[in-house]
C-alpha atoms as a PDB file:
ATOM      1  CA  MET A   1      -2.889-115.988 142.577  1.00  0.00           C
ATOM      2  CA  SER A   2      -4.673-117.709 139.717  1.00  0.00           C
ATOM      3  CA  GLY A   3      -3.265-117.944 136.206  1.00  0.00           C
ATOM      4  CA  LYS A   4      -5.949-115.576 134.954  1.00  0.00           C
ATOM      5  CA  ALA A   5      -5.162-112.977 137.618  1.00  0.00           C
ATOM      6  CA  LEU A   6      -1.470-113.155 136.743  1.00  0.00           C
ATOM      7  CA  ARG A   7      -2.188-112.681 133.042  1.00  0.00           C
ATOM      8  CA  LEU A   8      -4.511-109.756 133.782  1.00  0.00           C
ATOM      9  CA  LYS A   9      -1.633-107.991 135.546  1.00  0.00           C
ATOM     10  CA  ARG A  10       0.189-107.859 132.211  1.00  0.00           C
ATOM     11  CA  PHE A  11      -2.505-105.509 130.925  1.00  0.00           C
ATOM     12  CA  ARG A  12      -2.528-103.233 133.980  1.00  0.00           C
ATOM     13  CA  ASN A  13       0.987-101.856 134.357  1.00  0.00           C
ATOM     14  CA  SER A  14       0.213 -98.197 135.052  1.00  0.00           C
ATOM     15  CA  PRO A  15       0.305 -96.852 138.641  1.00  0.00           C
ATOM     16  CA  ASN A  16      -3.487 -96.497 138.719  1.00  0.00           C
ATOM     17  CA  GLY A  17      -4.162 -99.808 136.955  1.00  0.00           C
ATOM     18  CA  ARG A  18      -6.001 -98.198 134.051  1.00  0.00           C
ATOM     19  CA  MET A  19      -5.438 -99.594 130.580  1.00  0.00           C
ATOM     20  CA  VAL A  20      -4.761 -98.136 127.158  1.00  0.00           C
ATOM     21  CA  ILE A  21      -5.834-100.859 124.746  1.00  0.00           C
ATOM     22  CA  ILE A  22      -5.374-100.399 120.999  1.00  0.00           C
ATOM     23  CA  PRO A  23      -7.625-102.581 118.843  1.00  0.00           C
ATOM     24  CA  LEU A  24      -5.981-103.242 115.488  1.00  0.00           C
ATOM     25  CA  ASP A  25      -8.410-105.894 114.278  1.00  0.00           C
ATOM     26  CA  HIS A  26     -10.080-103.689 111.659  1.00  0.00           C
ATOM     27  CA  GLY A  27      -8.367-105.371 108.709  1.00  0.00           C
ATOM     28  CA  VAL A  28     -10.870-108.234 108.714  1.00  0.00           C
ATOM     29  CA  SER A  29     -14.071-106.249 109.203  1.00  0.00           C
ATOM     30  CA  LEU A  30     -13.116-103.161 107.161  1.00  0.00           C
ATOM     31  CA  GLY A  31     -10.100-104.070 105.041  1.00  0.00           C
ATOM     32  CA  PRO A  32      -6.882-102.022 104.603  1.00  0.00           C
ATOM     33  CA  ILE A  33      -8.423 -98.742 105.790  1.00  0.00           C
ATOM     34  CA  PRO A  34      -6.360 -95.534 106.117  1.00  0.00           C
ATOM     35  CA  GLY A  35      -3.842 -95.878 108.908  1.00  0.00           C
ATOM     36  CA  LEU A  36      -3.719 -99.662 108.635  1.00  0.00           C
ATOM     37  CA  GLU A  37      -2.436-100.065 105.096  1.00  0.00           C
ATOM     38  CA  HIS A  38       0.808-101.269 106.675  1.00  0.00           C
ATOM     39  CA  PRO A  39      -0.209-102.964 109.923  1.00  0.00           C
ATOM     40  CA  GLU A  40       3.359-103.540 111.086  1.00  0.00           C
ATOM     41  CA  SER A  41       3.902 -99.770 111.329  1.00  0.00           C
ATOM     42  CA  ALA A  42       0.775 -99.282 113.441  1.00  0.00           C
ATOM     43  CA  ILE A  43       1.719-102.173 115.712  1.00  0.00           C
ATOM     44  CA  ARG A  44       5.283-100.918 116.145  1.00  0.00           C
ATOM     45  CA  MET A  45       4.069 -97.393 116.966  1.00  0.00           C
ATOM     46  CA  ALA A  46       1.665 -98.715 119.604  1.00  0.00           C
ATOM     47  CA  VAL A  47       4.407-100.831 121.178  1.00  0.00           C
ATOM     48  CA  GLN A  48       6.874 -97.944 121.285  1.00  0.00           C
ATOM     49  CA  GLU A  49       4.466 -95.319 122.626  1.00  0.00           C
ATOM     50  CA  GLY A  50       3.197 -97.062 125.718  1.00  0.00           C
ATOM     51  CA  ALA A  51       0.088 -99.078 124.881  1.00  0.00           C
ATOM     52  CA  ASP A  52      -0.779-101.585 127.594  1.00  0.00           C
ATOM     53  CA  ALA A  53      -2.428-104.023 125.216  1.00  0.00           C
ATOM     54  CA  LEU A  54      -3.096-104.724 121.557  1.00  0.00           C
ATOM     55  CA  VAL A  55      -6.048-106.537 120.003  1.00  0.00           C
ATOM     56  CA  LEU A  56      -4.861-108.456 116.958  1.00  0.00           C
ATOM     57  CA  HIS A  57      -6.106-111.193 114.687  1.00  0.00           C
ATOM     58  CA  LYS A  58      -4.013-114.338 114.699  1.00  0.00           C
ATOM     59  CA  GLY A  59      -2.038-113.612 111.528  1.00  0.00           C
ATOM     60  CA  MET A  60      -0.842-110.225 112.771  1.00  0.00           C
ATOM     61  CA  LEU A  61       0.829-111.717 115.841  1.00  0.00           C
ATOM     62  CA  GLU A  62       3.733-112.647 113.576  1.00  0.00           C
ATOM     63  CA  PHE A  63       4.797-108.998 113.428  1.00  0.00           C
ATOM     64  CA  LEU A  64       5.420-109.079 117.187  1.00  0.00           C
ATOM     65  CA  GLU A  65       7.883-111.930 116.780  1.00  0.00           C
ATOM     66  CA  MET A  66      10.157-109.621 114.801  1.00  0.00           C
ATOM     67  CA  MET A  67      10.149-106.811 117.388  1.00  0.00           C
ATOM     68  CA  SER A  68      12.749-106.401 120.114  1.00  0.00           C
ATOM     69  CA  GLY A  69      12.244-105.010 123.580  1.00  0.00           C
ATOM     70  CA  ARG A  70       9.293-105.215 125.954  1.00  0.00           C
ATOM     71  CA  LEU A  71       5.938-105.979 124.369  1.00  0.00           C
ATOM     72  CA  PRO A  72       2.502-104.994 125.652  1.00  0.00           C
ATOM     73  CA  GLY A  73      -0.117-107.564 126.524  1.00  0.00           C
ATOM     74  CA  VAL A  74      -1.819-109.162 123.546  1.00  0.00           C
ATOM     75  CA  PHE A  75      -5.447-110.161 123.063  1.00  0.00           C
ATOM     76  CA  MET A  76      -5.997-112.480 120.120  1.00  0.00           C
ATOM     77  CA  HIS A  77      -9.345-111.561 118.592  1.00  0.00           C
ATOM     78  CA  LEU A  78     -11.686-114.504 118.087  1.00  0.00           C
ATOM     79  CA  SER A  79     -14.493-112.739 116.164  1.00  0.00           C
ATOM     80  CA  ALA A  80     -14.844-111.958 112.488  1.00  0.00           C
ATOM     81  CA  SER A  81     -17.182-110.714 109.776  1.00  0.00           C
ATOM     82  CA  SER A  82     -16.498-108.744 106.616  1.00  0.00           C
ATOM     83  CA  GLN A  83     -18.151-105.955 104.687  1.00  0.00           C
ATOM     84  CA  LEU A  84     -17.959-108.156 101.623  1.00  0.00           C
ATOM     85  CA  GLY A  85     -20.675-110.362 103.079  1.00  0.00           C
ATOM     86  CA  PHE A  86     -24.326-109.743 103.876  1.00  0.00           C
ATOM     87  CA  ALA A  87     -24.097-110.072 107.673  1.00  0.00           C
ATOM     88  CA  ILE A  88     -21.520-107.561 108.883  1.00  0.00           C
ATOM     89  CA  ASP A  89     -23.039-107.521 112.389  1.00  0.00           C
ATOM     90  CA  HIS A  90     -22.961-111.308 112.780  1.00  0.00           C
ATOM     91  CA  LYS A  91     -19.592-112.074 114.308  1.00  0.00           C
ATOM     92  CA  VAL A  92     -18.493-115.696 114.077  1.00  0.00           C
ATOM     93  CA  LEU A  93     -15.730-117.551 115.891  1.00  0.00           C
ATOM     94  CA  ILE A  94     -12.527-117.912 113.871  1.00  0.00           C
ATOM     95  CA  GLY A  95     -10.222-119.206 116.583  1.00  0.00           C
ATOM     96  CA  SER A  96     -10.099-120.725 120.044  1.00  0.00           C
ATOM     97  CA  VAL A  97      -8.608-120.029 123.439  1.00  0.00           C
ATOM     98  CA  GLU A  98      -6.243-122.946 122.991  1.00  0.00           C
ATOM     99  CA  GLU A  99      -5.004-121.548 119.675  1.00  0.00           C
ATOM    100  CA  ALA A 100      -4.453-118.134 121.262  1.00  0.00           C
ATOM    101  CA  LEU A 101      -2.257-119.725 123.916  1.00  0.00           C
ATOM    102  CA  ARG A 102      -0.305-121.681 121.310  1.00  0.00           C
ATOM    103  CA  ARG A 103       0.323-118.458 119.400  1.00  0.00           C
ATOM    104  CA  GLY A 104       1.579-116.648 122.517  1.00  0.00           C
ATOM    105  CA  ALA A 105      -1.356-114.362 123.322  1.00  0.00           C
ATOM    106  CA  ASP A 106      -2.024-113.267 126.912  1.00  0.00           C
ATOM    107  CA  GLY A 107      -5.803-113.082 126.504  1.00  0.00           C
ATOM    108  CA  VAL A 108      -8.609-113.306 123.984  1.00  0.00           C
ATOM    109  CA  SER A 109     -11.260-110.844 122.846  1.00  0.00           C
ATOM    110  CA  LEU A 110     -14.742-111.425 121.541  1.00  0.00           C
ATOM    111  CA  HIS A 111     -17.119-109.030 119.771  1.00  0.00           C
ATOM    112  CA  VAL A 112     -20.843-109.392 120.518  1.00  0.00           C
ATOM    113  CA  ASN A 113     -23.601-107.381 118.818  1.00  0.00           C
ATOM    114  CA  LEU A 114     -26.931-107.365 120.628  1.00  0.00           C
ATOM    115  CA  GLY A 115     -30.374-106.560 119.324  1.00  0.00           C
ATOM    116  CA  ASN A 116     -30.300-108.380 115.978  1.00  0.00           C
ATOM    117  CA  ARG A 117     -31.211-111.831 114.664  1.00  0.00           C
ATOM    118  CA  SER A 118     -27.708-113.165 115.236  1.00  0.00           C
ATOM    119  CA  GLU A 119     -27.670-112.262 118.920  1.00  0.00           C
ATOM    120  CA  PRO A 120     -28.445-115.805 120.160  1.00  0.00           C
ATOM    121  CA  ASP A 121     -25.530-117.271 118.216  1.00  0.00           C
ATOM    122  CA  MET A 122     -23.107-114.656 119.498  1.00  0.00           C
ATOM    123  CA  LEU A 123     -24.274-115.084 123.094  1.00  0.00           C
ATOM    124  CA  GLN A 124     -23.800-118.834 122.761  1.00  0.00           C
ATOM    125  CA  ASP A 125     -20.273-118.252 121.461  1.00  0.00           C
ATOM    126  CA  LEU A 126     -19.606-115.952 124.421  1.00  0.00           C
ATOM    127  CA  GLY A 127     -20.676-118.700 126.794  1.00  0.00           C
ATOM    128  CA  MET A 128     -18.425-121.265 125.133  1.00  0.00           C
ATOM    129  CA  VAL A 129     -15.401-118.967 125.020  1.00  0.00           C
ATOM    130  CA  GLY A 130     -15.964-117.892 128.613  1.00  0.00           C
ATOM    131  CA  ASP A 131     -15.958-121.523 129.694  1.00  0.00           C
ATOM    132  CA  ALA A 132     -12.710-122.172 127.828  1.00  0.00           C
ATOM    133  CA  CYS A 133     -11.162-119.051 129.369  1.00  0.00           C
ATOM    134  CA  THR A 134     -11.965-120.391 132.834  1.00  0.00           C
ATOM    135  CA  ASN A 135     -10.504-123.804 131.987  1.00  0.00           C
ATOM    136  CA  TRP A 136      -7.295-122.303 130.633  1.00  0.00           C
ATOM    137  CA  GLN A 137      -7.187-119.305 133.019  1.00  0.00           C
ATOM    138  CA  VAL A 138      -7.124-116.790 130.167  1.00  0.00           C
ATOM    139  CA  PRO A 139      -8.511-113.216 130.436  1.00  0.00           C
ATOM    140  CA  LEU A 140     -11.550-112.458 128.278  1.00  0.00           C
ATOM    141  CA  LEU A 141     -12.135-109.003 126.799  1.00  0.00           C
ATOM    142  CA  VAL A 142     -15.740-108.661 125.623  1.00  0.00           C
ATOM    143  CA  MET A 143     -16.528-105.917 123.121  1.00  0.00           C
ATOM    144  CA  ILE A 144     -20.248-105.413 123.616  1.00  0.00           C
ATOM    145  CA  TYR A 145     -22.410-103.332 121.260  1.00  0.00           C
ATOM    146  CA  VAL A 146     -26.098-102.817 120.534  1.00  0.00           C
ATOM    147  CA  ARG A 147     -26.794-102.882 116.799  1.00  0.00           C
ATOM    148  CA  ASP A 148     -30.395-103.661 116.011  1.00  0.00           C
ATOM    149  CA  ALA A 149     -31.858-104.591 112.651  1.00  0.00           C
ATOM    150  CA  SER A 150     -33.233-101.093 112.077  1.00  0.00           C
ATOM    151  CA  GLY A 151     -29.736 -99.705 111.587  1.00  0.00           C
ATOM    152  CA  ALA A 152     -30.268 -97.008 114.221  1.00  0.00           C
ATOM    153  CA  THR A 153     -27.082 -95.053 114.947  1.00  0.00           C
ATOM    154  CA  THR A 154     -28.138 -93.770 118.376  1.00  0.00           C
ATOM    155  CA  VAL A 155     -28.379 -96.278 121.196  1.00  0.00           C
ATOM    156  CA  PRO A 156     -30.188 -95.294 124.425  1.00  0.00           C
ATOM    157  CA  ASP A 157     -28.015 -95.195 127.530  1.00  0.00           C
ATOM    158  CA  SER A 158     -30.335 -97.733 129.140  1.00  0.00           C
ATOM    159  CA  SER A 159     -29.485-100.219 126.367  1.00  0.00           C
ATOM    160  CA  LEU A 160     -25.768 -99.604 126.815  1.00  0.00           C
ATOM    161  CA  ALA A 161     -26.102-100.259 130.542  1.00  0.00           C
ATOM    162  CA  TYR A 162     -28.036-103.446 129.777  1.00  0.00           C
ATOM    163  CA  SER A 163     -25.345-104.623 127.360  1.00  0.00           C
ATOM    164  CA  ALA A 164     -22.570-104.042 129.887  1.00  0.00           C
ATOM    165  CA  ARG A 165     -24.542-106.011 132.468  1.00  0.00           C
ATOM    166  CA  ILE A 166     -24.881-108.916 130.023  1.00  0.00           C
ATOM    167  CA  ALA A 167     -21.135-108.964 129.384  1.00  0.00           C
ATOM    168  CA  ALA A 168     -20.377-109.002 133.106  1.00  0.00           C
ATOM    169  CA  GLU A 169     -23.016-111.628 133.872  1.00  0.00           C
ATOM    170  CA  LEU A 170     -21.615-113.932 131.190  1.00  0.00           C
ATOM    171  CA  GLY A 171     -18.034-113.862 132.382  1.00  0.00           C
ATOM    172  CA  ALA A 172     -16.148-110.934 130.854  1.00  0.00           C
ATOM    173  CA  ASP A 173     -12.931-110.035 132.649  1.00  0.00           C
ATOM    174  CA  ILE A 174     -12.772-106.674 130.867  1.00  0.00           C
ATOM    175  CA  ILE A 175     -15.673-104.985 129.085  1.00  0.00           C
ATOM    176  CA  LYS A 176     -15.273-102.660 126.138  1.00  0.00           C
ATOM    177  CA  MET A 177     -18.322-100.506 125.397  1.00  0.00           C
ATOM    178  CA  PRO A 178     -19.268 -97.162 123.827  1.00  0.00           C
ATOM    179  CA  ILE A 179     -19.429 -94.118 126.077  1.00  0.00           C
ATOM    180  CA  PRO A 180     -23.014 -93.374 127.134  1.00  0.00           C
ATOM    181  CA  GLU A 181     -24.405 -89.949 126.288  1.00  0.00           C
ATOM    182  CA  ASP A 182     -24.765 -89.166 129.999  1.00  0.00           C
ATOM    183  CA  PHE A 183     -21.574 -89.761 131.970  1.00  0.00           C
ATOM    184  CA  ARG A 184     -23.701 -90.399 135.054  1.00  0.00           C
ATOM    185  CA  THR A 185     -24.837 -93.595 133.365  1.00  0.00           C
ATOM    186  CA  LEU A 186     -21.222 -94.645 132.879  1.00  0.00           C
ATOM    187  CA  LYS A 187     -20.545 -93.929 136.550  1.00  0.00           C
ATOM    188  CA  GLU A 188     -23.477 -96.152 137.542  1.00  0.00           C
ATOM    189  CA  ILE A 189     -22.247 -98.923 135.232  1.00  0.00           C
ATOM    190  CA  THR A 190     -18.670 -98.899 136.503  1.00  0.00           C
ATOM    191  CA  ALA A 191     -19.791 -98.780 140.142  1.00  0.00           C
ATOM    192  CA  ALA A 192     -22.134-101.747 139.738  1.00  0.00           C
ATOM    193  CA  LEU A 193     -19.935-104.208 137.861  1.00  0.00           C
ATOM    194  CA  PRO A 194     -17.148-106.405 139.289  1.00  0.00           C
ATOM    195  CA  VAL A 195     -14.788-106.022 136.317  1.00  0.00           C
ATOM    196  CA  PRO A 196     -13.114-103.058 134.578  1.00  0.00           C
ATOM    197  CA  VAL A 197     -15.054-101.202 131.879  1.00  0.00           C
ATOM    198  CA  VAL A 198     -12.948 -99.630 129.142  1.00  0.00           C
ATOM    199  CA  VAL A 199     -14.561 -97.116 126.808  1.00  0.00           C
ATOM    200  CA  ALA A 200     -14.361 -97.308 123.037  1.00  0.00           C
ATOM    201  CA  GLY A 201     -12.916 -94.460 121.002  1.00  0.00           C
ATOM    202  CA  GLY A 202     -15.591 -94.813 118.334  1.00  0.00           C
ATOM    203  CA  SER A 203     -15.541 -93.219 114.897  1.00  0.00           C
ATOM    204  CA  LYS A 204     -12.779 -90.796 113.948  1.00  0.00           C
ATOM    205  CA  VAL A 205     -13.091 -87.417 115.685  1.00  0.00           C
ATOM    206  CA  ASP A 206     -11.286 -84.444 114.130  1.00  0.00           C
ATOM    207  CA  ASP A 207     -11.389 -82.188 117.204  1.00  0.00           C
ATOM    208  CA  ILE A 208      -8.652 -83.681 119.387  1.00  0.00           C
ATOM    209  CA  PRO A 209      -9.268 -81.527 122.507  1.00  0.00           C
ATOM    210  CA  VAL A 210     -12.949 -82.512 122.452  1.00  0.00           C
ATOM    211  CA  PHE A 211     -12.022 -86.170 122.053  1.00  0.00           C
ATOM    212  CA  LEU A 212      -9.512 -86.044 124.923  1.00  0.00           C
ATOM    213  CA  ASP A 213     -12.068 -84.270 127.102  1.00  0.00           C
ATOM    214  CA  ARG A 214     -14.482 -87.171 126.611  1.00  0.00           C
ATOM    215  CA  MET A 215     -11.772 -89.613 127.633  1.00  0.00           C
ATOM    216  CA  GLU A 216     -11.017 -87.525 130.735  1.00  0.00           C
ATOM    217  CA  LYS A 217     -14.690 -87.464 131.726  1.00  0.00           C
ATOM    218  CA  ALA A 218     -14.884 -91.233 131.219  1.00  0.00           C
ATOM    219  CA  MET A 219     -11.958 -91.727 133.622  1.00  0.00           C
ATOM    220  CA  GLN A 220     -13.682 -89.484 136.163  1.00  0.00           C
ATOM    221  CA  ALA A 221     -16.785 -91.662 135.795  1.00  0.00           C
ATOM    222  CA  GLY A 222     -14.823 -94.722 136.851  1.00  0.00           C
ATOM    223  CA  ALA A 223     -13.755 -96.249 133.530  1.00  0.00           C
ATOM    224  CA  GLY A 224     -10.875 -98.692 133.838  1.00  0.00           C
ATOM    225  CA  GLY A 225      -9.245 -97.377 130.687  1.00  0.00           C
ATOM    226  CA  VAL A 226      -9.824 -96.940 126.992  1.00  0.00           C
ATOM    227  CA  ALA A 227      -9.855 -99.078 123.856  1.00  0.00           C
ATOM    228  CA  ILE A 228      -9.073 -96.726 120.982  1.00  0.00           C
ATOM    229  CA  GLY A 229      -8.226 -97.639 117.406  1.00  0.00           C
ATOM    230  CA  ARG A 230      -9.175 -95.242 114.612  1.00  0.00           C
ATOM    231  CA  ASN A 231      -8.749 -92.103 116.720  1.00  0.00           C
ATOM    232  CA  ILE A 232      -5.120 -93.108 117.106  1.00  0.00           C
ATOM    233  CA  PHE A 233      -3.971 -94.798 113.913  1.00  0.00           C
ATOM    234  CA  GLN A 234      -5.983 -92.496 111.630  1.00  0.00           C
ATOM    235  CA  ASN A 235      -4.677 -89.360 113.327  1.00  0.00           C
ATOM    236  CA  ASN A 236      -2.159 -87.254 111.390  1.00  0.00           C
ATOM    237  CA  ASP A 237       0.347 -87.975 114.146  1.00  0.00           C
ATOM    238  CA  PRO A 238      -0.721 -91.126 115.974  1.00  0.00           C
ATOM    239  CA  ARG A 239       2.277 -90.961 118.288  1.00  0.00           C
ATOM    240  CA  LEU A 240       1.225 -87.611 119.702  1.00  0.00           C
ATOM    241  CA  ILE A 241      -2.394 -88.523 120.305  1.00  0.00           C
ATOM    242  CA  LEU A 242      -1.375 -91.819 121.928  1.00  0.00           C
ATOM    243  CA  ARG A 243       1.014 -90.003 124.264  1.00  0.00           C
ATOM    244  CA  ALA A 244      -1.757 -87.596 125.252  1.00  0.00           C
ATOM    245  CA  ILE A 245      -4.204 -90.444 125.826  1.00  0.00           C
ATOM    246  CA  CYS A 246      -1.688 -92.271 128.021  1.00  0.00           C
ATOM    247  CA  SER A 247      -1.197 -89.111 130.090  1.00  0.00           C
ATOM    248  CA  VAL A 248      -4.950 -88.810 130.668  1.00  0.00           C
ATOM    249  CA  VAL A 249      -5.507 -92.507 131.392  1.00  0.00           C
ATOM    250  CA  HIS A 250      -2.312 -93.522 133.196  1.00  0.00           C
ATOM    251  CA  TRP A 251      -1.441 -90.354 135.079  1.00  0.00           C
ATOM    252  CA  GLY A 252      -4.758 -88.581 135.509  1.00  0.00           C
ATOM    253  CA  TYR A 253      -3.759 -85.499 133.530  1.00  0.00           C
ATOM    254  CA  SER A 254      -6.503 -83.171 132.399  1.00  0.00           C
ATOM    255  CA  SER A 255      -7.165 -83.277 128.684  1.00  0.00           C
ATOM    256  CA  ASN A 256      -5.821 -79.735 128.246  1.00  0.00           C
ATOM    257  CA  THR A 257      -2.619 -80.422 130.173  1.00  0.00           C
ATOM    258  CA  ALA A 258      -1.985 -83.673 128.312  1.00  0.00           C
ATOM    259  CA  TRP A 259      -2.440 -82.067 124.895  1.00  0.00           C
ATOM    260  CA  ASP A 260      -0.407 -78.969 125.790  1.00  0.00           C
ATOM    261  CA  GLU A 261       2.503 -81.110 126.935  1.00  0.00           C
ATOM    262  CA  VAL A 262       2.696 -83.201 123.783  1.00  0.00           C
ATOM    263  CA  LYS A 263       2.390 -80.079 121.626  1.00  0.00           C
ATOM    264  CA  GLU A 264       5.466 -78.606 123.291  1.00  0.00           C
ATOM    265  CA  ASP A 265       7.553 -81.369 121.735  1.00  0.00           C
ATOM    266  CA  VAL A 266       6.432 -80.573 118.177  1.00  0.00           C
ATOM    267  CA  PRO A 267       7.512 -77.652 115.933  1.00  0.00           C
ATOM    268  CA  SER A 268       4.708 -75.148 115.246  1.00  0.00           C
ATOM    269  CA  LYS A 269       4.617 -75.954 111.515  1.00  0.00           C
ATOM    270  CA  ALA A 270       4.067 -79.614 112.233  1.00  0.00           C
ATOM    271  CA  MET A 271       1.335 -78.819 114.780  1.00  0.00           C
ATOM    272  CA  ALA A 272      -0.523 -76.789 112.164  1.00  0.00           C
ATOM    273  CA  GLU A 273      -0.881 -79.962 110.128  1.00  0.00           C
ATOM    274  CA  ILE A 274      -2.307 -82.046 113.000  1.00  0.00           C
END
């Protein structure tokens, strides 16, 4: 078994091998948004409630040093941009694979936006990081998005499929991507690629049953897991939604069964506030 294969096993501990990844890298791109005002609390909750992996920027790894007990796998995020600048979609490298290993991470993650002027630079960075990951036998999570210069909010499924293919062709070990509009497209993507595809949670969704249903359908379409941030840490009770997500992803529960089970553990007054 190679070093990379061994490290990948740390992210796939559930019986079915599917992953619940929680990206908590938003502090650089978006600032101290609701739910991440105190990052240590969000990290601790994710650790305690069964996340398989966290995505963190280098400085946030220090919080893990203070925690006892078993930790999930950790991807150190190597991409950054801020809303204070003029190029939010141009992600630049702010770390290296070697640094991630020195800091104790199990893998690295890279964010690539396609369809804009900065695409060539980001693809070049992906190539360089992929090469380093092979040299050091470190898993590479590629977050692949299509964000063209027009600012369009709707991306055709064909473009999403193209982006996933690019990530796989250029060496991703795990691909994070938005859920296509048609789940048949997601099924075609997952069947064609040699590496797991995890689906992004996207913007905050208020209707939890609808959100969980989309995650269930993604699992049925062959997704290798989920990568959900805001729909967990911005929820009124992030612990409950994370438990429900883990039931859907790890154990194959239906969305209704997963949500009904977690609701049974909460007093009715508290549920009315969720």
